[in-house]
Amino acid sequence: MAEPLAEAEVRRRLGDVPGWEVVDGRLHRRFSFADFSAAFGFMARVALAAEKLDHHPDWSNSWNTVTVDIVSHAAGGITEVCFELAARCSAVAAGFERQGS
């Protein structure tokens, strides 16, 4: 099982994932899209990445906004894989911006 990262390491690694912050011990970010379809498409693509990583976000969707929280429940904190999933979420969202969605 992965070990949670030390608080200082989490703070340092936040620089690798712009727009993310730590809220209640979880990596947290809100993404906004052009419409519900784009938000749902983002979630579908992130779901595929999450499956590959075997690490799944806690998230919610309200029309064009997706709120994402990432933590390892098994490890009891933020791990390297949490940061990998956060980076993949950001990359998927950037793809939607490039498409003009």
N, C-alpha and C. Protein backbone atom coordinates (compact mmCIF):
# COMPACT_ATOMS: atom_id res chain seq x y z
N MET A 1 0.85 -1.19 0.00
CA MET A 1 0.00 0.00 0.00
C MET A 1 0.89 1.24 0.00
N ALA A 2 0.45 2.25 -0.71
CA ALA A 2 1.18 3.52 -0.77
C ALA A 2 1.11 4.22 0.57
N GLU A 3 2.16 4.94 0.86
CA GLU A 3 2.23 5.72 2.10
C GLU A 3 1.79 7.15 1.82
N PRO A 4 1.11 7.78 2.78
CA PRO A 4 0.76 9.20 2.58
C PRO A 4 2.03 10.05 2.59
N LEU A 5 2.02 11.10 1.80
CA LEU A 5 3.15 12.02 1.76
C LEU A 5 3.14 12.92 2.99
N ALA A 6 4.32 13.33 3.42
CA ALA A 6 4.44 14.30 4.52
C ALA A 6 3.84 15.63 4.08
N GLU A 7 3.36 16.39 5.02
CA GLU A 7 2.72 17.68 4.72
C GLU A 7 3.64 18.59 3.91
N ALA A 8 4.92 18.64 4.24
CA ALA A 8 5.86 19.49 3.51
C ALA A 8 6.00 19.03 2.07
N GLU A 9 5.99 17.74 1.84
CA GLU A 9 6.08 17.21 0.48
C GLU A 9 4.81 17.52 -0.31
N VAL A 10 3.67 17.43 0.34
CA VAL A 10 2.41 17.78 -0.32
C VAL A 10 2.45 19.24 -0.75
N ARG A 11 2.87 20.12 0.14
CA ARG A 11 2.96 21.55 -0.20
C ARG A 11 3.90 21.77 -1.38
N ARG A 12 5.04 21.09 -1.37
CA ARG A 12 6.00 21.23 -2.47
C ARG A 12 5.39 20.73 -3.77
N ARG A 13 4.72 19.62 -3.73
CA ARG A 13 4.16 19.01 -4.95
C ARG A 13 2.99 19.79 -5.52
N LEU A 14 2.34 20.63 -4.72
CA LEU A 14 1.24 21.45 -5.24
C LEU A 14 1.71 22.32 -6.40
N GLY A 15 2.98 22.69 -6.41
CA GLY A 15 3.53 23.47 -7.52
C GLY A 15 3.51 22.71 -8.83
N ASP A 16 3.43 21.38 -8.77
CA ASP A 16 3.38 20.55 -9.98
C ASP A 16 1.98 20.49 -10.58
N VAL A 17 0.97 20.89 -9.81
CA VAL A 17 -0.42 20.80 -10.28
C VAL A 17 -1.12 22.14 -10.04
N PRO A 18 -0.83 23.14 -10.87
CA PRO A 18 -1.42 24.46 -10.69
C PRO A 18 -2.95 24.40 -10.62
N GLY A 19 -3.50 25.22 -9.74
CA GLY A 19 -4.95 25.29 -9.59
C GLY A 19 -5.49 24.37 -8.50
N TRP A 20 -4.68 23.42 -8.08
CA TRP A 20 -5.09 22.50 -7.01
C TRP A 20 -4.68 23.07 -5.66
N GLU A 21 -5.45 22.74 -4.63
CA GLU A 21 -5.13 23.13 -3.27
C GLU A 21 -5.49 21.96 -2.35
N VAL A 22 -5.07 22.04 -1.11
CA VAL A 22 -5.45 21.04 -0.14
C VAL A 22 -6.59 21.62 0.70
N VAL A 23 -7.71 20.89 0.71
CA VAL A 23 -8.88 21.28 1.51
C VAL A 23 -9.31 20.03 2.29
N ASP A 24 -9.37 20.16 3.58
CA ASP A 24 -9.77 19.04 4.45
C ASP A 24 -8.95 17.78 4.18
N GLY A 25 -7.65 17.96 3.95
CA GLY A 25 -6.76 16.82 3.78
C GLY A 25 -6.85 16.13 2.43
N ARG A 26 -7.45 16.79 1.46
CA ARG A 26 -7.61 16.23 0.12
C ARG A 26 -7.13 17.22 -0.92
N LEU A 27 -6.64 16.71 -2.05
CA LEU A 27 -6.39 17.59 -3.19
C LEU A 27 -7.75 18.01 -3.72
N HIS A 28 -7.91 19.30 -3.97
CA HIS A 28 -9.22 19.85 -4.33
C HIS A 28 -9.09 20.83 -5.49
N ARG A 29 -10.03 20.71 -6.41
CA ARG A 29 -10.09 21.68 -7.51
C ARG A 29 -11.49 21.67 -8.10
N ARG A 30 -11.90 22.85 -8.58
CA ARG A 30 -13.18 22.99 -9.28
C ARG A 30 -12.87 23.35 -10.73
N PHE A 31 -13.46 22.60 -11.65
CA PHE A 31 -13.30 22.84 -13.08
C PHE A 31 -14.62 23.35 -13.65
N SER A 32 -14.55 24.37 -14.50
CA SER A 32 -15.74 24.89 -15.18
C SER A 32 -15.58 24.69 -16.68
N PHE A 33 -16.68 24.33 -17.32
CA PHE A 33 -16.68 24.04 -18.75
C PHE A 33 -17.76 24.86 -19.45
N ALA A 34 -17.80 24.78 -20.74
CA ALA A 34 -18.75 25.56 -21.53
C ALA A 34 -20.20 25.18 -21.22
N ASP A 35 -20.42 23.89 -20.94
CA ASP A 35 -21.79 23.42 -20.72
C ASP A 35 -21.76 22.06 -20.04
N PHE A 36 -22.95 21.51 -19.81
CA PHE A 36 -23.05 20.22 -19.14
C PHE A 36 -22.40 19.10 -19.94
N SER A 37 -22.56 19.13 -21.23
CA SER A 37 -21.99 18.08 -22.08
C SER A 37 -20.46 18.03 -21.94
N ALA A 38 -19.83 19.18 -21.94
CA ALA A 38 -18.36 19.21 -21.79
C ALA A 38 -17.96 18.74 -20.40
N ALA A 39 -18.70 19.14 -19.36
CA ALA A 39 -18.39 18.70 -18.00
C ALA A 39 -18.52 17.18 -17.89
N PHE A 40 -19.56 16.64 -18.50
CA PHE A 40 -19.77 15.20 -18.45
C PHE A 40 -18.70 14.47 -19.25
N GLY A 41 -18.31 15.03 -20.38
CA GLY A 41 -17.23 14.45 -21.17
C GLY A 41 -15.92 14.42 -20.40
N PHE A 42 -15.64 15.49 -19.68
CA PHE A 42 -14.46 15.54 -18.81
C PHE A 42 -14.51 14.40 -17.80
N MET A 43 -15.66 14.23 -17.16
CA MET A 43 -15.79 13.18 -16.15
C MET A 43 -15.59 11.79 -16.76
N ALA A 44 -16.11 11.58 -17.95
CA ALA A 44 -15.96 10.28 -18.60
C ALA A 44 -14.48 9.99 -18.89
N ARG A 45 -13.77 10.99 -19.38
CA ARG A 45 -12.34 10.79 -19.69
C ARG A 45 -11.51 10.59 -18.43
N VAL A 46 -11.82 11.34 -17.39
CA VAL A 46 -11.10 11.16 -16.13
C VAL A 46 -11.41 9.79 -15.53
N ALA A 47 -12.65 9.33 -15.70
CA ALA A 47 -13.00 8.01 -15.18
C ALA A 47 -12.12 6.93 -15.78
N LEU A 48 -11.80 7.04 -17.07
CA LEU A 48 -10.92 6.06 -17.72
C LEU A 48 -9.51 6.12 -17.13
N ALA A 49 -9.00 7.33 -16.91
CA ALA A 49 -7.68 7.49 -16.30
C ALA A 49 -7.67 6.95 -14.88
N ALA A 50 -8.74 7.21 -14.13
CA ALA A 50 -8.83 6.73 -12.75
C ALA A 50 -8.83 5.21 -12.70
N GLU A 51 -9.52 4.59 -13.63
CA GLU A 51 -9.52 3.13 -13.69
C GLU A 51 -8.13 2.58 -13.95
N LYS A 52 -7.40 3.22 -14.88
CA LYS A 52 -6.04 2.77 -15.17
C LYS A 52 -5.13 2.89 -13.96
N LEU A 53 -5.33 3.93 -13.17
CA LEU A 53 -4.53 4.14 -11.97
C LEU A 53 -5.05 3.34 -10.77
N ASP A 54 -6.27 2.81 -10.90
CA ASP A 54 -6.96 2.15 -9.79
C ASP A 54 -7.02 3.09 -8.59
N HIS A 55 -7.38 4.35 -8.89
CA HIS A 55 -7.47 5.39 -7.88
C HIS A 55 -8.59 6.33 -8.31
N HIS A 56 -9.61 6.47 -7.50
CA HIS A 56 -10.83 7.13 -7.93
C HIS A 56 -11.13 8.38 -7.12
N PRO A 57 -11.53 9.45 -7.80
CA PRO A 57 -11.80 10.71 -7.10
C PRO A 57 -13.17 10.70 -6.43
N ASP A 58 -13.30 11.56 -5.46
CA ASP A 58 -14.62 11.94 -4.94
C ASP A 58 -14.97 13.20 -5.73
N TRP A 59 -16.09 13.18 -6.40
CA TRP A 59 -16.41 14.35 -7.22
C TRP A 59 -17.90 14.55 -7.34
N SER A 60 -18.26 15.75 -7.79
CA SER A 60 -19.66 16.08 -8.03
C SER A 60 -19.74 16.98 -9.26
N ASN A 61 -20.90 16.97 -9.86
CA ASN A 61 -21.14 17.75 -11.07
C ASN A 61 -22.42 18.55 -10.89
N SER A 62 -22.36 19.83 -11.21
CA SER A 62 -23.54 20.68 -11.26
C SER A 62 -23.45 21.49 -12.54
N TRP A 63 -24.28 21.16 -13.49
CA TRP A 63 -24.34 21.71 -14.83
C TRP A 63 -22.96 21.73 -15.48
N ASN A 64 -22.27 22.87 -15.50
CA ASN A 64 -20.99 22.96 -16.21
C ASN A 64 -19.78 22.91 -15.28
N THR A 65 -20.00 22.58 -14.02
CA THR A 65 -18.93 22.61 -13.03
C THR A 65 -18.73 21.22 -12.43
N VAL A 66 -17.47 20.81 -12.36
CA VAL A 66 -17.12 19.55 -11.71
C VAL A 66 -16.15 19.87 -10.57
N THR A 67 -16.50 19.44 -9.38
CA THR A 67 -15.66 19.60 -8.21
C THR A 67 -15.00 18.26 -7.92
N VAL A 68 -13.68 18.27 -7.80
CA VAL A 68 -12.91 17.04 -7.64
C VAL A 68 -12.12 17.09 -6.33
N ASP A 69 -12.21 16.03 -5.56
CA ASP A 69 -11.41 15.84 -4.35
C ASP A 69 -10.70 14.50 -4.49
N ILE A 70 -9.40 14.49 -4.19
CA ILE A 70 -8.60 13.27 -4.34
C ILE A 70 -7.82 13.02 -3.06
N VAL A 71 -7.96 11.80 -2.54
CA VAL A 71 -7.22 11.35 -1.37
C VAL A 71 -7.19 9.83 -1.44
N SER A 72 -6.20 9.24 -0.83
CA SER A 72 -6.17 7.78 -0.72
C SER A 72 -6.80 7.39 0.61
N HIS A 73 -7.99 6.84 0.54
CA HIS A 73 -8.66 6.40 1.76
C HIS A 73 -7.87 5.26 2.40
N ALA A 74 -7.32 4.38 1.57
CA ALA A 74 -6.56 3.22 2.07
C ALA A 74 -5.30 3.67 2.81
N ALA A 75 -4.61 4.68 2.26
CA ALA A 75 -3.36 5.15 2.88
C ALA A 75 -3.63 6.17 3.99
N GLY A 76 -4.81 6.74 3.98
CA GLY A 76 -5.14 7.73 4.99
C GLY A 76 -4.54 9.09 4.74
N GLY A 77 -4.37 9.46 3.47
CA GLY A 77 -3.83 10.77 3.14
C GLY A 77 -3.53 10.90 1.66
N ILE A 78 -2.82 11.93 1.32
CA ILE A 78 -2.46 12.23 -0.07
C ILE A 78 -1.18 11.47 -0.43
N THR A 79 -1.22 10.76 -1.54
CA THR A 79 -0.09 9.94 -2.00
C THR A 79 0.40 10.42 -3.36
N GLU A 80 1.47 9.80 -3.84
CA GLU A 80 1.98 10.09 -5.18
C GLU A 80 0.90 9.86 -6.23
N VAL A 81 0.13 8.80 -6.07
CA VAL A 81 -0.92 8.48 -7.05
C VAL A 81 -2.00 9.56 -7.06
N CYS A 82 -2.25 10.17 -5.91
CA CYS A 82 -3.20 11.29 -5.86
C CYS A 82 -2.73 12.42 -6.77
N PHE A 83 -1.44 12.73 -6.70
CA PHE A 83 -0.90 13.78 -7.56
C PHE A 83 -0.93 13.37 -9.03
N GLU A 84 -0.71 12.10 -9.31
CA GLU A 84 -0.79 11.64 -10.71
C GLU A 84 -2.21 11.81 -11.24
N LEU A 85 -3.20 11.44 -10.45
CA LEU A 85 -4.59 11.61 -10.88
C LEU A 85 -4.94 13.08 -11.04
N ALA A 86 -4.48 13.93 -10.13
CA ALA A 86 -4.72 15.37 -10.25
C ALA A 86 -4.13 15.90 -11.55
N ALA A 87 -2.91 15.48 -11.87
CA ALA A 87 -2.27 15.94 -13.11
C ALA A 87 -3.05 15.47 -14.33
N ARG A 88 -3.56 14.27 -14.28
CA ARG A 88 -4.35 13.76 -15.42
C ARG A 88 -5.67 14.52 -15.54
N CYS A 89 -6.30 14.86 -14.42
CA CYS A 89 -7.53 15.67 -14.46
C CYS A 89 -7.24 17.01 -15.14
N SER A 90 -6.15 17.64 -14.74
CA SER A 90 -5.78 18.94 -15.33
C SER A 90 -5.51 18.81 -16.82
N ALA A 91 -4.84 17.75 -17.23
CA ALA A 91 -4.54 17.55 -18.65
C ALA A 91 -5.82 17.33 -19.46
N VAL A 92 -6.73 16.56 -18.92
CA VAL A 92 -8.01 16.33 -19.62
C VAL A 92 -8.77 17.65 -19.73
N ALA A 93 -8.82 18.43 -18.66
CA ALA A 93 -9.52 19.72 -18.69
C ALA A 93 -8.88 20.66 -19.70
N ALA A 94 -7.56 20.66 -19.78
CA ALA A 94 -6.86 21.52 -20.75
C ALA A 94 -7.23 21.13 -22.18
N GLY A 95 -7.45 19.86 -22.42
CA GLY A 95 -7.88 19.41 -23.73
C GLY A 95 -9.22 19.99 -24.13
N PHE A 96 -10.10 20.13 -23.18
CA PHE A 96 -11.41 20.74 -23.46
C PHE A 96 -11.25 22.22 -23.77
N GLU A 97 -10.34 22.90 -23.10
CA GLU A 97 -10.10 24.32 -23.37
C GLU A 97 -9.56 24.52 -24.77
N ARG A 98 -8.65 23.62 -25.22
CA ARG A 98 -8.08 23.73 -26.55
C ARG A 98 -9.12 23.49 -27.63
N GLN A 99 -10.13 22.68 -27.31
CA GLN A 99 -11.19 22.39 -28.27
C GLN A 99 -12.21 23.52 -28.34
N GLY A 100 -12.06 24.48 -27.44
CA GLY A 100 -13.00 25.60 -27.42
C GLY A 100 -14.27 25.29 -26.69
N SER A 101 -14.28 24.22 -25.92
CA SER A 101 -15.47 23.84 -25.16
C SER A 101 -15.56 24.58 -23.85
